[in-house]
Amino acid sequence: MRKKWLSGLLFAAFLTLGACSSEGETAKDNEKKDTQQEQQSSEQSKGNKEGSKNGEQPKMPEPDLEGTPDVVAEVNGEKIKKKEFETAYKQQFQQAALQSQMSGQEVDQDKLKKQMVDSLVGQELLIQEANNRDYEATQEKKDKILQDLAKQNKAGSKDEFLAQLEKQGMSEKEVMSQLEKQIKVEQLIAAEAGDIEPTEEEMKKMYEQMKAQQEKAGGESKIPSFEEAKPSLEQQLKQQKEAEEAQKLIKNLREDADVKVHI
């Protein structure tokens, strides 16, 4: 178990929303990406062959955090500090580094840093708005999340899970603070999104898109029937709609906010 699983709860949830909101790409964009991926695969294959001859594995890049200021941004007077930024950046950099190894392309760290700052600013705007609207994070909701996390991580009971986090350097007070923020932001986004129950037509459209992608990729795994895939499709569509509303809200909040970025 890793400390970041809980300390990054809210940030991970926010990133998921951002990722979902970008899934509506056009066919032209997808074709362009396919061409780029084919070129990257060819280059990667060539590089891997050369690496194999030398008996070497591609080197994993390292995050460049040199020169990070003590305060990376300010949102309506609230500071986003170096430690918070670096924790978030390292988590996202790990994913980007793995992708870079697969594609053969270097990680654009300047671009990634900008994305991280924007995400953290957006996250802080949502937290502030949720607090302004007086949403409540009950102990019952916090306990439910902790119990689910304990089960997922095979950590025994909620108390055993908290004890393990304590050993990792995260106090119960910090855990509860993270959970409170997450619960309030979830309520805020749900209120903004309103009724987002996906229609049968929307689910069928997504199902056909997924089928086409899998067939194009030449995957050997069995494609589930529409009825079997329905619960997953419904969840994905809800996340997409929530993501769209979250991004709209962040955009509106940022227009009236006092945001200073120092990186």
Protein backbone atom coordinates (compact mmCIF):
# COMPACT_ATOMS: atom_id res chain seq x y z
CA MET A 1 0.00 0.00 0.00
CA ARG A 2 1.21 3.49 -0.79
CA LYS A 3 0.52 6.73 0.92
CA LYS A 4 -0.28 8.42 -2.39
CA TRP A 5 -3.40 6.27 -2.84
CA LEU A 6 -5.15 8.41 -0.27
CA SER A 7 -3.21 11.67 -0.30
CA GLY A 8 -3.93 11.92 -4.02
CA LEU A 9 -7.61 10.93 -3.80
CA LEU A 10 -9.07 14.28 -4.70
CA PHE A 11 -6.40 15.06 -7.27
CA ALA A 12 -6.85 11.64 -8.90
CA ALA A 13 -10.59 12.14 -9.05
CA PHE A 14 -10.10 15.55 -10.62
CA LEU A 15 -7.71 14.19 -13.21
CA THR A 16 -10.20 11.46 -14.06
CA LEU A 17 -12.83 14.09 -14.73
CA GLY A 18 -10.41 16.00 -16.95
CA ALA A 19 -9.53 12.86 -18.86
CA CYS A 20 -13.18 11.97 -19.41
CA SER A 21 -13.95 15.44 -20.75
CA SER A 22 -11.38 15.06 -23.53
CA GLU A 23 -12.75 11.78 -24.90
CA GLY A 24 -15.01 13.43 -27.44
CA GLU A 25 -12.40 13.69 -30.18
CA THR A 26 -13.29 14.02 -33.84
CA ALA A 27 -12.68 11.29 -36.40
CA LYS A 28 -10.08 13.49 -38.06
CA ASP A 29 -8.17 13.82 -34.81
CA ASN A 30 -8.32 10.07 -34.27
CA GLU A 31 -6.99 9.38 -37.77
CA LYS A 32 -4.12 11.79 -37.17
CA LYS A 33 -3.35 10.07 -33.87
CA ASP A 34 -3.45 6.64 -35.51
CA THR A 35 -0.89 7.78 -38.09
CA GLN A 36 1.35 9.22 -35.39
CA GLN A 37 1.06 6.05 -33.33
CA GLU A 38 2.01 3.90 -36.32
CA GLN A 39 5.09 6.05 -36.90
CA GLN A 40 5.95 5.93 -33.20
CA SER A 41 5.51 2.16 -33.10
CA SER A 42 7.84 1.79 -36.07
CA GLU A 43 10.46 4.00 -34.43
CA GLN A 44 10.01 2.23 -31.10
CA SER A 45 10.38 -1.17 -32.74
CA LYS A 46 13.59 -0.06 -34.39
CA GLY A 47 14.87 1.38 -31.11
CA ASN A 48 13.91 -1.73 -29.18
CA LYS A 49 15.75 -3.96 -31.64
CA GLU A 50 18.87 -1.87 -31.30
CA GLY A 51 18.48 -1.90 -27.52
CA SER A 52 18.04 -5.66 -27.53
CA LYS A 53 21.26 -6.10 -29.46
CA ASN A 54 23.08 -4.13 -26.81
CA GLY A 55 21.24 -5.96 -24.05
CA GLU A 56 19.85 -2.69 -22.66
CA GLN A 57 16.35 -1.59 -21.68
CA PRO A 58 15.12 1.94 -22.54
CA LYS A 59 16.05 4.28 -19.68
CA MET A 60 13.17 5.57 -17.56
CA PRO A 61 13.20 9.40 -17.56
CA GLU A 62 13.33 11.33 -14.29
CA PRO A 63 11.06 14.22 -13.26
CA ASP A 64 12.77 17.61 -13.51
CA LEU A 65 11.67 19.65 -10.49
CA GLU A 66 14.72 21.89 -10.23
CA GLY A 67 13.83 25.50 -9.63
CA THR A 68 10.27 24.84 -8.45
CA PRO A 69 9.22 27.87 -6.36
CA ASP A 70 7.96 27.47 -2.80
CA VAL A 71 4.56 28.71 -3.98
CA VAL A 72 3.63 27.58 -7.50
CA ALA A 73 0.28 29.38 -7.65
CA GLU A 74 -2.22 31.43 -5.66
CA VAL A 75 -6.00 31.12 -5.98
CA ASN A 76 -7.99 33.89 -4.30
CA GLY A 77 -5.20 34.21 -1.75
CA GLU A 78 -4.91 30.45 -1.11
CA LYS A 79 -1.40 29.16 -1.84
CA ILE A 80 -0.64 26.01 -3.81
CA LYS A 81 2.70 25.05 -2.35
CA LYS A 82 5.74 23.32 -3.79
CA LYS A 83 5.15 20.07 -1.89
CA GLU A 84 1.59 19.69 -3.19
CA PHE A 85 2.68 20.43 -6.76
CA GLU A 86 5.64 18.03 -6.64
CA THR A 87 3.52 15.20 -5.23
CA ALA A 88 0.94 15.63 -7.98
CA TYR A 89 3.57 16.08 -10.68
CA LYS A 90 5.49 12.94 -9.73
CA GLN A 91 2.31 10.86 -9.84
CA GLN A 92 1.37 12.11 -13.29
CA PHE A 93 4.97 11.97 -14.52
CA GLN A 94 5.12 8.24 -13.80
CA GLN A 95 2.26 7.66 -16.22
CA ALA A 96 3.75 10.00 -18.83
CA ALA A 97 7.15 8.29 -18.53
CA LEU A 98 5.65 4.85 -19.13
CA GLN A 99 3.82 6.18 -22.18
CA SER A 100 7.02 7.78 -23.46
CA GLN A 101 8.81 4.44 -23.22
CA MET A 102 6.07 2.82 -25.29
CA SER A 103 5.91 5.59 -27.89
CA GLY A 104 9.60 6.45 -28.06
CA GLN A 105 8.81 10.15 -27.57
CA GLU A 106 10.31 12.23 -24.78
CA VAL A 107 8.06 13.63 -22.06
CA ASP A 108 7.41 17.34 -22.61
CA GLN A 109 7.94 18.32 -18.97
CA ASP A 110 7.23 22.02 -19.48
CA LYS A 111 3.84 21.15 -20.94
CA LEU A 112 3.16 18.59 -18.21
CA LYS A 113 4.01 21.13 -15.49
CA LYS A 114 1.57 23.62 -16.98
CA GLN A 115 -1.14 20.96 -17.06
CA MET A 116 -0.45 20.11 -13.42
CA VAL A 117 -0.65 23.74 -12.30
CA ASP A 118 -3.89 24.22 -14.24
CA SER A 119 -5.32 21.06 -12.66
CA LEU A 120 -4.35 22.15 -9.16
CA VAL A 121 -5.78 25.62 -9.73
CA GLY A 122 -9.02 24.08 -11.01
CA GLN A 123 -9.10 21.73 -8.05
CA GLU A 124 -8.68 24.63 -5.59
CA LEU A 125 -11.43 26.61 -7.33
CA LEU A 126 -13.81 23.66 -6.93
CA ILE A 127 -12.89 23.22 -3.27
CA GLN A 128 -13.46 26.92 -2.56
CA GLU A 129 -16.81 26.90 -4.37
CA ALA A 130 -17.92 23.75 -2.53
CA ASN A 131 -17.05 25.43 0.79
CA ASN A 132 -18.92 28.58 -0.22
CA ARG A 133 -22.05 26.52 -0.85
CA ASP A 134 -21.89 24.92 2.60
CA TYR A 135 -21.88 21.31 1.48
CA GLU A 136 -21.45 18.83 4.30
CA ALA A 137 -19.14 15.83 4.49
CA THR A 138 -20.71 13.57 7.10
CA GLN A 139 -18.71 11.10 9.15
CA GLU A 140 -20.87 8.36 7.67
CA LYS A 141 -19.70 9.23 4.15
CA LYS A 142 -16.08 9.41 5.24
CA ASP A 143 -16.32 6.03 6.96
CA LYS A 144 -17.89 4.48 3.86
CA ILE A 145 -15.02 5.65 1.63
CA LEU A 146 -12.43 4.46 4.15
CA GLN A 147 -14.08 1.05 4.39
CA ASP A 148 -14.11 0.74 0.60
CA LEU A 149 -10.44 1.75 0.40
CA ALA A 150 -9.50 -0.71 3.13
CA LYS A 151 -11.26 -3.47 1.22
CA GLN A 152 -9.70 -2.52 -2.13
CA ASN A 153 -6.22 -2.44 -0.62
CA LYS A 154 -6.75 -5.59 1.47
CA ALA A 155 -5.91 -3.60 4.56
CA GLY A 156 -8.46 -5.17 6.90
CA SER A 157 -10.68 -2.77 8.81
CA LYS A 158 -10.98 1.00 8.50
CA ASP A 159 -8.89 1.44 11.65
CA GLU A 160 -6.18 -0.90 10.34
CA PHE A 161 -6.12 1.07 7.10
CA LEU A 162 -5.70 4.35 9.00
CA ALA A 163 -2.93 2.79 11.08
CA GLN A 164 -1.07 1.77 7.92
CA LEU A 165 -1.44 5.28 6.52
CA GLU A 166 -0.07 6.65 9.78
CA LYS A 167 3.04 4.50 9.29
CA GLN A 168 3.39 6.00 5.82
CA GLY A 169 3.44 9.47 7.38
CA MET A 170 -0.17 10.53 6.83
CA SER A 171 -2.08 11.36 10.00
CA GLU A 172 -5.76 10.63 10.52
CA LYS A 173 -6.39 14.38 10.52
CA GLU A 174 -4.84 14.70 7.05
CA VAL A 175 -6.84 11.72 5.80
CA MET A 176 -10.12 13.18 7.02
CA SER A 177 -9.28 16.56 5.50
CA GLN A 178 -8.68 14.96 2.10
CA LEU A 179 -11.90 12.97 2.32
CA GLU A 180 -13.91 16.02 3.34
CA LYS A 181 -12.69 17.96 0.32
CA GLN A 182 -13.43 15.09 -2.03
CA ILE A 183 -16.96 14.53 -0.72
CA LYS A 184 -17.84 18.23 -0.93
CA VAL A 185 -16.50 18.57 -4.47
CA GLU A 186 -18.43 15.47 -5.56
CA GLN A 187 -21.63 17.07 -4.22
CA LEU A 188 -20.83 20.31 -6.04
CA ILE A 189 -20.29 18.56 -9.37
CA ALA A 190 -23.42 16.43 -8.92
CA ALA A 191 -25.46 19.59 -8.29
CA GLU A 192 -24.02 21.28 -11.38
CA ALA A 193 -24.54 18.22 -13.58
CA GLY A 194 -28.17 17.68 -12.53
CA ASP A 195 -30.00 14.78 -14.17
CA ILE A 196 -27.32 13.01 -16.22
CA GLU A 197 -28.93 9.60 -16.65
CA PRO A 198 -27.63 8.29 -20.01
CA THR A 199 -30.19 7.35 -22.64
CA GLU A 200 -30.34 3.95 -24.33
CA GLU A 201 -29.29 5.63 -27.58
CA GLU A 202 -26.19 7.19 -25.97
CA MET A 203 -25.13 3.86 -24.49
CA LYS A 204 -25.60 2.03 -27.79
CA LYS A 205 -23.56 4.67 -29.60
CA MET A 206 -20.69 4.30 -27.12
CA TYR A 207 -20.93 0.52 -27.33
CA GLU A 208 -20.58 0.58 -31.13
CA GLN A 209 -17.59 2.92 -30.85
CA MET A 210 -15.89 0.59 -28.37
CA LYS A 211 -16.58 -2.43 -30.57
CA ALA A 212 -15.12 -0.68 -33.60
CA GLN A 213 -12.00 0.33 -31.66
CA GLN A 214 -11.40 -3.19 -30.39
CA GLU A 215 -11.93 -4.72 -33.81
CA LYS A 216 -9.56 -2.19 -35.36
CA ALA A 217 -6.95 -2.97 -32.72
CA GLY A 218 -7.26 -6.66 -33.54
CA GLY A 219 -7.84 -7.67 -29.94
CA GLU A 220 -8.47 -11.35 -29.31
CA SER A 221 -10.54 -10.87 -26.15
CA LYS A 222 -14.25 -11.52 -26.44
CA ILE A 223 -16.41 -8.44 -26.85
CA PRO A 224 -19.22 -8.48 -24.26
CA SER A 225 -22.82 -8.11 -25.40
CA PHE A 226 -24.52 -4.73 -25.11
CA GLU A 227 -26.54 -5.92 -22.09
CA GLU A 228 -23.39 -7.16 -20.35
CA ALA A 229 -21.56 -3.89 -21.04
CA LYS A 230 -24.50 -1.68 -20.09
CA PRO A 231 -23.55 -0.97 -16.43
CA SER A 232 -20.01 0.02 -17.45
CA LEU A 233 -21.27 2.16 -20.34
CA GLU A 234 -23.71 3.94 -18.04
CA GLN A 235 -20.96 4.73 -15.54
CA GLN A 236 -18.58 6.01 -18.23
CA LEU A 237 -21.23 8.27 -19.74
CA LYS A 238 -22.10 9.70 -16.33
CA GLN A 239 -18.43 10.44 -15.69
CA GLN A 240 -18.14 12.17 -19.06
CA LYS A 241 -21.15 14.36 -18.38
CA GLU A 242 -19.93 15.22 -14.88
CA ALA A 243 -16.53 16.05 -16.35
CA GLU A 244 -18.03 18.42 -18.88
CA GLU A 245 -19.95 20.23 -16.15
CA ALA A 246 -16.88 20.38 -13.91
CA GLN A 247 -14.78 21.92 -16.67
CA LYS A 248 -17.51 24.47 -17.45
CA LEU A 249 -17.72 25.41 -13.79
CA ILE A 250 -13.93 25.74 -13.46
CA LYS A 251 -13.84 27.98 -16.52
CA ASN A 252 -16.56 30.24 -15.09
CA LEU A 253 -14.99 30.35 -11.63
CA ARG A 254 -11.56 31.17 -13.04
CA GLU A 255 -12.91 34.17 -14.96
CA ASP A 256 -13.87 35.87 -11.69
CA ALA A 257 -11.01 34.50 -9.59
CA ASP A 258 -7.70 36.08 -8.63
CA VAL A 259 -5.24 33.48 -9.94
CA LYS A 260 -1.47 33.97 -9.94
CA VAL A 261 0.81 31.28 -11.39
CA HIS A 262 4.52 31.39 -10.49
CA ILE A 263 5.89 28.50 -12.51
